[in-house]
Amino acid sequence: MVRIHDMSRAFVKEDAGGPERRYSLPPRTDPGYDAAAAQALLEGANVGDSYGAELATGYRWGEPKLRPHVEQILAEARASGNERLEQLAERFLRAPAAAT
């Protein structure tokens, strides 16, 4: 007989990291989608959720199509003194091109 308290801790949900992160993105057909996706990828990296941001946006980290948007974000980060965002944008731009 298996009692509840004998169950492996691997199956206990209380250890979960909280609710899944949501990324606010316009429809893919929106002309601003790529800019929003670039921002979401950087935001995801900032909170340790790069994979979730990639799933939400449909783009991989380092996606060449997003470079112009990340370069703009980098310029804004430098102008405002946001060192963390600057670091993330630079890392994105150094990443090898994403495989398609």
C-alpha atoms as a PDB file:
ATOM      1  CA  MET A   1       0.000   0.000   0.000  1.00  0.00           C
ATOM      2  CA  VAL A   2       1.344   3.420  -0.990  1.00  0.00           C
ATOM      3  CA  ARG A   3       0.575   6.294   1.306  1.00  0.00           C
ATOM      4  CA  ILE A   4       0.629   9.893   0.076  1.00  0.00           C
ATOM      5  CA  HIS A   5       3.570  10.862   2.275  1.00  0.00           C
ATOM      6  CA  ASP A   6       5.586   8.002   0.737  1.00  0.00           C
ATOM      7  CA  MET A   7       5.401   9.559  -2.736  1.00  0.00           C
ATOM      8  CA  SER A   8       8.615  10.810  -4.277  1.00  0.00           C
ATOM      9  CA  ARG A   9       9.204  14.552  -3.933  1.00  0.00           C
ATOM     10  CA  ALA A  10       9.752  14.618  -7.717  1.00  0.00           C
ATOM     11  CA  PHE A  11       5.983  14.503  -8.099  1.00  0.00           C
ATOM     12  CA  VAL A  12       5.161  17.290  -5.660  1.00  0.00           C
ATOM     13  CA  LYS A  13       4.077  20.455  -7.493  1.00  0.00           C
ATOM     14  CA  GLU A  14       4.943  22.779  -4.601  1.00  0.00           C
ATOM     15  CA  ASP A  15       8.548  22.875  -5.810  1.00  0.00           C
ATOM     16  CA  ALA A  16       7.554  24.322  -9.201  1.00  0.00           C
ATOM     17  CA  GLY A  17       9.054  27.680 -10.101  1.00  0.00           C
ATOM     18  CA  GLY A  18       5.724  29.455 -10.324  1.00  0.00           C
ATOM     19  CA  PRO A  19       3.464  30.283 -13.228  1.00  0.00           C
ATOM     20  CA  GLU A  20       4.773  30.136 -16.763  1.00  0.00           C
ATOM     21  CA  ARG A  21       6.003  33.509 -17.991  1.00  0.00           C
ATOM     22  CA  ARG A  22       3.821  35.299 -20.553  1.00  0.00           C
ATOM     23  CA  TYR A  23       5.240  37.449 -23.333  1.00  0.00           C
ATOM     24  CA  SER A  24       3.101  40.251 -24.681  1.00  0.00           C
ATOM     25  CA  LEU A  25       3.406  39.986 -28.453  1.00  0.00           C
ATOM     26  CA  PRO A  26       1.297  41.413 -31.254  1.00  0.00           C
ATOM     27  CA  PRO A  27      -0.041  39.081 -33.955  1.00  0.00           C
ATOM     28  CA  ARG A  28       2.681  37.677 -36.223  1.00  0.00           C
ATOM     29  CA  THR A  29       1.189  39.660 -39.110  1.00  0.00           C
ATOM     30  CA  ASP A  30       1.723  42.951 -37.242  1.00  0.00           C
ATOM     31  CA  PRO A  31       4.598  45.002 -38.721  1.00  0.00           C
ATOM     32  CA  GLY A  32       5.951  45.487 -35.183  1.00  0.00           C
ATOM     33  CA  TYR A  33       6.117  41.769 -34.413  1.00  0.00           C
ATOM     34  CA  ASP A  34       9.845  41.346 -35.021  1.00  0.00           C
ATOM     35  CA  ALA A  35      10.712  44.320 -32.806  1.00  0.00           C
ATOM     36  CA  ALA A  36       8.485  42.939 -30.046  1.00  0.00           C
ATOM     37  CA  ALA A  37      10.020  39.481 -30.498  1.00  0.00           C
ATOM     38  CA  ALA A  38      13.529  40.919 -30.145  1.00  0.00           C
ATOM     39  CA  GLN A  39      12.494  42.658 -26.934  1.00  0.00           C
ATOM     40  CA  ALA A  40      10.854  39.468 -25.632  1.00  0.00           C
ATOM     41  CA  LEU A  41      13.977  37.386 -26.305  1.00  0.00           C
ATOM     42  CA  LEU A  42      16.115  39.862 -24.366  1.00  0.00           C
ATOM     43  CA  GLU A  43      13.544  40.008 -21.572  1.00  0.00           C
ATOM     44  CA  GLY A  44      13.453  36.217 -21.400  1.00  0.00           C
ATOM     45  CA  ALA A  45      17.241  36.046 -21.196  1.00  0.00           C
ATOM     46  CA  ASN A  46      17.194  38.619 -18.419  1.00  0.00           C
ATOM     47  CA  VAL A  47      14.920  36.469 -16.263  1.00  0.00           C
ATOM     48  CA  GLY A  48      16.492  33.132 -17.168  1.00  0.00           C
ATOM     49  CA  ASP A  49      13.731  32.070 -19.552  1.00  0.00           C
ATOM     50  CA  SER A  50      15.407  32.129 -22.962  1.00  0.00           C
ATOM     51  CA  TYR A  51      13.746  28.873 -23.951  1.00  0.00           C
ATOM     52  CA  GLY A  52      10.274  30.143 -23.058  1.00  0.00           C
ATOM     53  CA  ALA A  53      10.884  33.346 -24.999  1.00  0.00           C
ATOM     54  CA  GLU A  54      12.045  31.334 -28.006  1.00  0.00           C
ATOM     55  CA  LEU A  55       8.881  29.236 -27.848  1.00  0.00           C
ATOM     56  CA  ALA A  56       6.679  32.304 -27.502  1.00  0.00           C
ATOM     57  CA  THR A  57       8.282  34.244 -30.356  1.00  0.00           C
ATOM     58  CA  GLY A  58       9.116  31.440 -32.747  1.00  0.00           C
ATOM     59  CA  TYR A  59      12.662  32.821 -33.051  1.00  0.00           C
ATOM     60  CA  ARG A  60      15.902  31.403 -31.723  1.00  0.00           C
ATOM     61  CA  TRP A  61      18.517  33.380 -29.799  1.00  0.00           C
ATOM     62  CA  GLY A  62      20.787  35.095 -32.343  1.00  0.00           C
ATOM     63  CA  GLU A  63      18.187  35.147 -35.161  1.00  0.00           C
ATOM     64  CA  PRO A  64      19.732  37.280 -37.949  1.00  0.00           C
ATOM     65  CA  LYS A  65      16.328  38.717 -38.943  1.00  0.00           C
ATOM     66  CA  LEU A  66      16.113  40.404 -35.526  1.00  0.00           C
ATOM     67  CA  ARG A  67      19.579  42.016 -35.611  1.00  0.00           C
ATOM     68  CA  PRO A  68      18.371  45.503 -36.654  1.00  0.00           C
ATOM     69  CA  HIS A  69      15.871  45.523 -33.782  1.00  0.00           C
ATOM     70  CA  VAL A  70      18.443  44.331 -31.249  1.00  0.00           C
ATOM     71  CA  GLU A  71      20.923  46.943 -32.529  1.00  0.00           C
ATOM     72  CA  GLN A  72      18.257  49.612 -31.876  1.00  0.00           C
ATOM     73  CA  ILE A  73      17.609  48.205 -28.395  1.00  0.00           C
ATOM     74  CA  LEU A  74      21.372  48.244 -27.766  1.00  0.00           C
ATOM     75  CA  ALA A  75      21.617  51.912 -28.784  1.00  0.00           C
ATOM     76  CA  GLU A  76      18.721  52.804 -26.474  1.00  0.00           C
ATOM     77  CA  ALA A  77      20.242  50.785 -23.617  1.00  0.00           C
ATOM     78  CA  ARG A  78      23.554  52.616 -24.005  1.00  0.00           C
ATOM     79  CA  ALA A  79      21.818  56.007 -24.139  1.00  0.00           C
ATOM     80  CA  SER A  80      19.821  55.289 -20.984  1.00  0.00           C
ATOM     81  CA  GLY A  81      22.692  53.613 -19.106  1.00  0.00           C
ATOM     82  CA  ASN A  82      20.916  50.252 -18.843  1.00  0.00           C
ATOM     83  CA  GLU A  83      24.027  48.102 -18.516  1.00  0.00           C
ATOM     84  CA  ARG A  84      22.177  44.793 -18.130  1.00  0.00           C
ATOM     85  CA  LEU A  85      20.131  45.289 -21.316  1.00  0.00           C
ATOM     86  CA  GLU A  86      23.283  46.458 -23.087  1.00  0.00           C
ATOM     87  CA  GLN A  87      25.063  43.258 -22.029  1.00  0.00           C
ATOM     88  CA  LEU A  88      22.194  41.052 -23.219  1.00  0.00           C
ATOM     89  CA  ALA A  89      21.889  42.841 -26.566  1.00  0.00           C
ATOM     90  CA  GLU A  90      25.631  42.543 -27.162  1.00  0.00           C
ATOM     91  CA  ARG A  91      25.467  38.837 -26.329  1.00  0.00           C
ATOM     92  CA  PHE A  92      22.573  38.371 -28.772  1.00  0.00           C
ATOM     93  CA  LEU A  93      24.530  40.129 -31.536  1.00  0.00           C
ATOM     94  CA  ARG A  94      27.614  37.950 -30.896  1.00  0.00           C
ATOM     95  CA  ALA A  95      25.612  34.716 -31.001  1.00  0.00           C
ATOM     96  CA  PRO A  96      26.073  32.452 -34.000  1.00  0.00           C
ATOM     97  CA  ALA A  97      23.247  32.671 -36.520  1.00  0.00           C
ATOM     98  CA  ALA A  98      20.281  30.583 -35.438  1.00  0.00           C
ATOM     99  CA  ALA A  99      19.711  27.370 -37.344  1.00  0.00           C
ATOM    100  CA  THR A 100      16.554  27.355 -39.414  1.00  0.00           C
END
